[in-house]
Amino acid sequence: MTKPDLIQSIWKGRITKGEMGRPMRASRSELDRLLDPDNTKIRLDMVYRAASAVGRKVRLELMEKPRG
């Protein structure tokens, strides 16, 4: 799930930041940082909790780097 996916899930589900933050046990400032497209420093546990709050799952995949 990318940040745009997460943001779109919030808008589609008509969920507020407060409604999203409650099950995540996250403050408004944590949510703002999570949803900020310029912020690349996000804890993985926060991404999992955010996805769960909007009814989504996260899939993490490690791939080999292309050689060359």
C-alpha atoms as a PDB file:
ATOM      1  CA  MET A   1       0.000   0.000   0.000  1.00  0.00           C
ATOM      2  CA  THR A   2       1.451   3.323  -1.023  1.00  0.00           C
ATOM      3  CA  LYS A   3       0.694   6.668   0.586  1.00  0.00           C
ATOM      4  CA  PRO A   4      -1.620   7.647  -2.265  1.00  0.00           C
ATOM      5  CA  ASP A   5      -3.478   4.334  -1.760  1.00  0.00           C
ATOM      6  CA  LEU A   6      -3.831   5.059   1.937  1.00  0.00           C
ATOM      7  CA  ILE A   7      -5.039   8.608   1.329  1.00  0.00           C
ATOM      8  CA  GLN A   8      -7.494   7.393  -1.308  1.00  0.00           C
ATOM      9  CA  SER A   9      -8.801   4.748   1.129  1.00  0.00           C
ATOM     10  CA  ILE A  10      -9.465   7.472   3.663  1.00  0.00           C
ATOM     11  CA  TRP A  11     -11.411   9.583   1.166  1.00  0.00           C
ATOM     12  CA  LYS A  12     -13.344   6.649  -0.326  1.00  0.00           C
ATOM     13  CA  GLY A  13     -14.336   5.380   3.085  1.00  0.00           C
ATOM     14  CA  ARG A  14     -15.186   8.884   4.230  1.00  0.00           C
ATOM     15  CA  ILE A  15     -13.152   8.269   7.370  1.00  0.00           C
ATOM     16  CA  THR A  16     -11.777  11.216   9.310  1.00  0.00           C
ATOM     17  CA  LYS A  17      -8.284  11.446  10.706  1.00  0.00           C
ATOM     18  CA  GLY A  18      -9.779  11.102  14.174  1.00  0.00           C
ATOM     19  CA  GLU A  19     -11.656   7.939  13.230  1.00  0.00           C
ATOM     20  CA  MET A  20      -8.518   6.539  11.662  1.00  0.00           C
ATOM     21  CA  GLY A  21      -6.291   7.548  14.559  1.00  0.00           C
ATOM     22  CA  ARG A  22      -8.381   5.988  17.333  1.00  0.00           C
ATOM     23  CA  PRO A  23      -7.844   2.311  16.428  1.00  0.00           C
ATOM     24  CA  MET A  24      -4.231   3.101  15.566  1.00  0.00           C
ATOM     25  CA  ARG A  25      -3.665   4.849  18.903  1.00  0.00           C
ATOM     26  CA  ALA A  26      -1.987   7.633  16.906  1.00  0.00           C
ATOM     27  CA  SER A  27      -1.969  11.356  17.492  1.00  0.00           C
ATOM     28  CA  ARG A  28      -3.049  13.840  14.832  1.00  0.00           C
ATOM     29  CA  SER A  29       0.591  14.856  14.296  1.00  0.00           C
ATOM     30  CA  GLU A  30       1.565  11.197  13.728  1.00  0.00           C
ATOM     31  CA  LEU A  31      -1.233  10.889  11.160  1.00  0.00           C
ATOM     32  CA  ASP A  32      -0.142  14.110   9.476  1.00  0.00           C
ATOM     33  CA  ARG A  33       3.408  12.753   9.151  1.00  0.00           C
ATOM     34  CA  LEU A  34       2.098   9.418   7.879  1.00  0.00           C
ATOM     35  CA  LEU A  35      -0.062  11.069   5.217  1.00  0.00           C
ATOM     36  CA  ASP A  36       2.543  13.665   4.181  1.00  0.00           C
ATOM     37  CA  PRO A  37       3.725  12.584   0.710  1.00  0.00           C
ATOM     38  CA  ASP A  38       7.075  14.312   1.284  1.00  0.00           C
ATOM     39  CA  ASN A  39       7.787  12.422   4.514  1.00  0.00           C
ATOM     40  CA  THR A  40       9.666   9.217   3.677  1.00  0.00           C
ATOM     41  CA  LYS A  41      10.533   8.300   7.262  1.00  0.00           C
ATOM     42  CA  ILE A  42       7.602   6.185   8.397  1.00  0.00           C
ATOM     43  CA  ARG A  43       7.695   3.319  10.855  1.00  0.00           C
ATOM     44  CA  LEU A  44       6.536   0.031   9.424  1.00  0.00           C
ATOM     45  CA  ASP A  45       4.247  -0.645  12.387  1.00  0.00           C
ATOM     46  CA  MET A  46       2.461   2.646  11.680  1.00  0.00           C
ATOM     47  CA  VAL A  47       1.839   1.601   8.078  1.00  0.00           C
ATOM     48  CA  TYR A  48       0.363  -1.724   9.241  1.00  0.00           C
ATOM     49  CA  ARG A  49      -1.898   0.009  11.773  1.00  0.00           C
ATOM     50  CA  ALA A  50      -3.022   2.604   9.213  1.00  0.00           C
ATOM     51  CA  ALA A  51      -3.883  -0.079   6.670  1.00  0.00           C
ATOM     52  CA  SER A  52      -5.856  -1.996   9.277  1.00  0.00           C
ATOM     53  CA  ALA A  53      -7.738   1.150  10.272  1.00  0.00           C
ATOM     54  CA  VAL A  54      -9.031   1.564   6.701  1.00  0.00           C
ATOM     55  CA  GLY A  55      -9.752  -2.147   6.203  1.00  0.00           C
ATOM     56  CA  ARG A  56      -6.682  -2.936   4.118  1.00  0.00           C
ATOM     57  CA  LYS A  57      -3.651  -5.210   4.489  1.00  0.00           C
ATOM     58  CA  VAL A  58       0.017  -4.534   3.791  1.00  0.00           C
ATOM     59  CA  ARG A  59       2.159  -6.877   1.760  1.00  0.00           C
ATOM     60  CA  LEU A  60       5.904  -6.415   2.065  1.00  0.00           C
ATOM     61  CA  GLU A  61       8.022  -7.983  -0.632  1.00  0.00           C
ATOM     62  CA  LEU A  62      11.795  -8.162  -0.880  1.00  0.00           C
ATOM     63  CA  MET A  63      13.061  -8.462  -4.436  1.00  0.00           C
ATOM     64  CA  GLU A  64      16.460  -9.050  -5.935  1.00  0.00           C
ATOM     65  CA  LYS A  65      18.208  -6.051  -7.420  1.00  0.00           C
ATOM     66  CA  PRO A  66      18.694  -6.228 -11.169  1.00  0.00           C
ATOM     67  CA  ARG A  67      22.270  -7.111 -12.032  1.00  0.00           C
ATOM     68  CA  GLY A  68      24.236  -4.834 -14.205  1.00  0.00           C
END
